[in-house]
Protein backbone atom coordinates (compact mmCIF):
# COMPACT_ATOMS: atom_id res chain seq x y z
CA MET A 1 15.83 -7.44 -16.20
CA SER A 2 15.40 -3.80 -15.32
CA PHE A 3 12.83 -2.11 -13.14
CA ILE A 4 9.42 -1.81 -14.85
CA ASN A 5 7.85 1.54 -14.05
CA GLN A 6 4.19 0.72 -14.67
CA PRO A 7 1.23 1.71 -12.50
CA SER A 8 0.46 -1.18 -10.17
CA ARG A 9 -3.28 -0.83 -10.67
CA VAL A 10 -5.49 -0.86 -13.77
CA ILE A 11 -9.18 -0.03 -13.95
CA TYR A 12 -11.55 -1.14 -16.68
CA GLU A 13 -15.13 -0.14 -17.42
CA ALA A 14 -16.31 -3.43 -18.87
CA ASP A 15 -18.58 -4.16 -21.77
CA SER A 16 -21.25 -6.82 -21.50
CA GLY A 17 -19.68 -10.27 -21.82
CA ASP A 18 -16.05 -9.25 -21.17
CA THR A 19 -13.91 -11.83 -19.41
CA VAL A 20 -10.29 -10.96 -20.37
CA PHE A 21 -8.38 -8.01 -18.89
CA ASP A 22 -4.68 -7.23 -19.43
CA PHE A 23 -2.21 -5.58 -17.07
CA GLY A 24 1.40 -4.54 -17.61
CA PHE A 25 2.98 -4.33 -14.17
CA LYS A 26 5.56 -6.70 -12.64
CA TRP A 27 4.37 -9.29 -10.12
CA PHE A 28 6.04 -12.18 -8.31
CA GLU A 29 3.33 -14.54 -6.99
CA GLU A 30 -0.33 -14.95 -7.96
CA SER A 31 -1.19 -13.85 -4.42
CA ASP A 32 0.30 -10.42 -5.29
CA ILE A 33 -2.69 -9.80 -7.56
CA ASN A 34 -6.11 -8.73 -6.29
CA VAL A 35 -9.08 -8.51 -8.65
CA TYR A 36 -12.22 -6.51 -7.85
CA LEU A 37 -15.54 -6.46 -9.70
CA THR A 38 -17.98 -3.68 -8.87
CA PRO A 39 -21.40 -4.07 -10.54
CA ALA A 40 -22.51 -1.17 -12.72
CA GLY A 41 -24.09 1.66 -10.78
CA GLN A 42 -22.80 0.51 -7.40
CA THR A 43 -20.18 2.11 -5.18
CA GLY A 44 -16.96 0.14 -4.86
CA ASN A 45 -16.54 -1.91 -1.70
CA ASP A 46 -13.19 -3.63 -1.13
CA GLU A 47 -14.71 -6.33 1.03
CA THR A 48 -17.64 -7.39 -1.14
CA ASP A 49 -16.15 -6.66 -4.58
CA LYS A 50 -12.86 -8.54 -4.13
CA LEU A 51 -13.00 -11.73 -6.15
CA ASP A 52 -11.82 -15.03 -4.75
CA PRO A 53 -8.89 -16.45 -6.75
CA SER A 54 -11.17 -19.31 -7.81
CA GLU A 55 -13.22 -16.74 -9.77
CA TYR A 56 -10.40 -15.85 -12.18
CA THR A 57 -7.15 -17.11 -13.66
CA ILE A 58 -3.92 -15.22 -14.29
CA THR A 59 -1.82 -15.94 -17.36
CA PRO A 60 1.67 -14.48 -16.99
CA VAL A 61 3.58 -12.75 -19.75
CA GLY A 62 7.35 -13.27 -19.82
CA ALA A 63 8.95 -13.22 -16.36
CA ASN A 64 5.68 -12.19 -14.72
CA ILE A 65 5.92 -8.77 -16.34
CA GLY A 66 2.27 -8.20 -17.01
CA GLY A 67 -0.36 -10.75 -17.70
CA THR A 68 -3.99 -11.43 -18.37
CA VAL A 69 -6.78 -11.91 -15.86
CA THR A 70 -9.59 -14.09 -17.18
CA LEU A 71 -12.82 -14.01 -15.20
CA ALA A 72 -14.83 -17.21 -14.78
CA THR A 73 -18.06 -15.22 -15.19
CA ALA A 74 -18.58 -12.57 -17.85
CA THR A 75 -19.16 -8.96 -16.86
CA SER A 76 -22.26 -6.87 -17.39
CA GLN A 77 -22.22 -3.55 -19.22
CA ASP A 78 -20.35 -0.81 -17.25
CA ASP A 79 -19.13 -3.10 -14.46
CA ILE A 80 -15.85 -1.84 -13.04
CA VAL A 81 -12.93 -4.29 -12.95
CA VAL A 82 -9.82 -3.36 -10.98
CA ILE A 83 -6.59 -5.35 -11.10
CA ASP A 84 -4.30 -4.33 -8.26
CA ARG A 85 -0.85 -5.48 -7.15
CA VAL A 86 -0.10 -5.67 -3.44
CA ILE A 87 3.30 -7.15 -2.72
CA PRO A 88 3.89 -8.37 0.83
CA ILE A 89 6.35 -6.17 2.69
CA ASP A 90 9.11 -8.65 3.29
CA ARG A 91 12.82 -9.19 2.87
CA LEU A 92 13.28 -12.25 0.67
CA ILE A 93 17.04 -12.24 0.15
CA GLU A 94 19.72 -12.54 2.81
CA TYR A 95 23.25 -11.63 1.78
CA VAL A 96 25.99 -13.83 3.26
CA THR A 97 29.51 -12.69 4.15
CA ASN A 98 31.96 -14.13 1.62
CA GLY A 99 29.01 -15.47 -0.39
CA ASP A 100 28.18 -14.88 -4.04
CA PHE A 101 27.25 -11.25 -4.60
CA LEU A 102 25.65 -11.58 -8.01
CA ALA A 103 24.29 -8.59 -9.90
CA THR A 104 21.09 -10.47 -10.78
CA VAL A 105 20.38 -11.22 -7.12
CA VAL A 106 21.03 -7.62 -6.05
CA ASN A 107 18.93 -6.23 -8.91
CA ASP A 108 16.02 -8.57 -8.12
CA ASP A 109 16.20 -7.59 -4.45
CA GLN A 110 16.26 -3.88 -5.24
CA ASP A 111 13.43 -4.24 -7.77
CA TYR A 112 11.26 -6.06 -5.22
CA GLN A 113 11.75 -3.28 -2.66
CA SER A 114 11.10 -0.62 -5.33
CA TYR A 115 7.84 -2.31 -6.32
CA ILE A 116 6.71 -2.27 -2.68
CA LEU A 117 7.36 1.49 -2.60
CA GLN A 118 5.54 1.90 -5.91
CA ASP A 119 2.49 0.09 -4.48
CA LEU A 120 2.51 2.22 -1.33
CA PHE A 121 2.79 5.42 -3.39
CA ALA A 122 -0.17 4.35 -5.55
CA LEU A 123 -2.18 3.57 -2.41
CA SER A 124 -1.32 6.95 -0.87
CA LYS A 125 -3.18 8.71 -3.70
CA GLN A 126 -6.41 7.27 -2.28
CA PHE A 127 -5.95 8.81 1.17
CA VAL A 128 -7.48 11.95 2.60
CA LYS A 129 -4.42 14.02 3.38
CA LEU A 130 -3.97 16.52 6.17
CA PRO A 131 -1.43 19.33 5.97
CA VAL A 132 2.04 18.34 7.13
CA SER A 133 2.11 21.46 9.31
CA GLY A 134 -1.11 20.52 11.16
CA GLU A 135 -1.57 18.52 14.34
CA GLU A 136 -1.27 14.76 14.09
CA HIS A 137 -4.63 12.95 14.20
CA GLU A 138 -5.85 9.49 13.37
CA ILE A 139 -8.86 10.17 11.15
CA LYS A 140 -11.65 7.67 10.46
CA LEU A 141 -13.68 7.97 7.28
CA HIS A 142 -17.08 6.39 6.68
CA PRO A 143 -17.94 4.73 3.37
CA PRO A 144 -19.60 6.99 0.78
CA TYR A 145 -23.21 7.83 1.53
CA PRO A 146 -25.50 8.91 -1.37
CA GLU A 147 -26.25 12.63 -1.52
CA ALA A 148 -24.38 13.40 1.70
CA TYR A 149 -21.64 15.84 2.52
CA LEU A 150 -18.76 15.07 4.81
CA ARG A 151 -18.33 17.14 7.95
CA TRP A 152 -16.16 16.90 11.03
CA ASN A 153 -17.83 15.55 14.15
CA ILE A 154 -18.01 17.73 17.28
CA ASP A 155 -14.49 16.89 18.53
CA GLY A 156 -12.82 16.98 15.10
CA SER A 157 -11.72 13.34 15.21
CA GLU A 158 -13.91 11.88 12.48
CA LEU A 159 -15.39 12.83 9.13
CA ILE A 160 -19.05 11.81 9.09
CA PRO A 161 -21.73 11.79 6.36
CA ASP A 162 -24.26 14.56 6.78
CA THR A 163 -27.62 14.41 4.99
CA GLU A 164 -29.35 17.12 7.04
CA PRO A 165 -29.56 20.39 5.05
CA SER A 166 -30.19 22.25 8.31
CA THR A 167 -26.55 21.68 9.30
CA TRP A 168 -25.08 22.85 5.99
CA ARG A 169 -23.53 26.29 5.82
CA THR A 170 -23.56 28.59 2.84
CA GLU A 171 -20.36 29.98 1.34
CA THR A 172 -21.05 33.37 2.92
CA GLU A 173 -21.41 32.09 6.48
CA ASP A 174 -18.48 32.53 8.81
CA LEU A 175 -17.23 29.02 9.61
CA ARG A 176 -15.84 30.20 12.94
CA ASP A 177 -19.32 30.40 14.54
C-alpha cells in the first residue's frame, strides 16, 4: 500500500437527521479518530464538543483507508461535525540486526511517521503565527468572545478579548503612542 495523501480532517455542516459521515484518510486504531459535534450557532469548543466513542461507531473501508462515522444521535440542521485524525507520536517498529528487512514493514513504518507529520502540519494551520524573525514568546490565546477584538496585554505576553470601544484605535491613529 502506498502513502495516502488525504487531509486528516473533514468538516461537515449537517442537515437535520444526519447520522452518517464519510472520511477518506488513513487511520490505524479507532482511538486515532476524534469526532466533534458543535450545535448550530455555537462556537466550537474542543472540550465540550468532543464526542465520547460510545456516541458513534466507525466502519472501516479497506485497510483502514477511510471509513464512515455513524452517530448514535441524529444531528440538527447546521450542526458542525468534524472528524479528525490524531495519531500518537510513537515508534511502533524496531528493526533488528540480521533480522528480516521487509519492504512492507519499512513502508508501513515510513507511512506511519509521514501521517504523524501530516497531522501536525494540518494542526499548524490553526495556530496564530509570529514572524520567524521576531523574538520568541509563548503566547496564550483566550477562546473567542462575541463582538470583541483581540489586543495585546500591557506586557505583550497575551492576546486578550477587548469589548471596550474606548480602547480601540482608528486606522489613522499612530500605534506607537
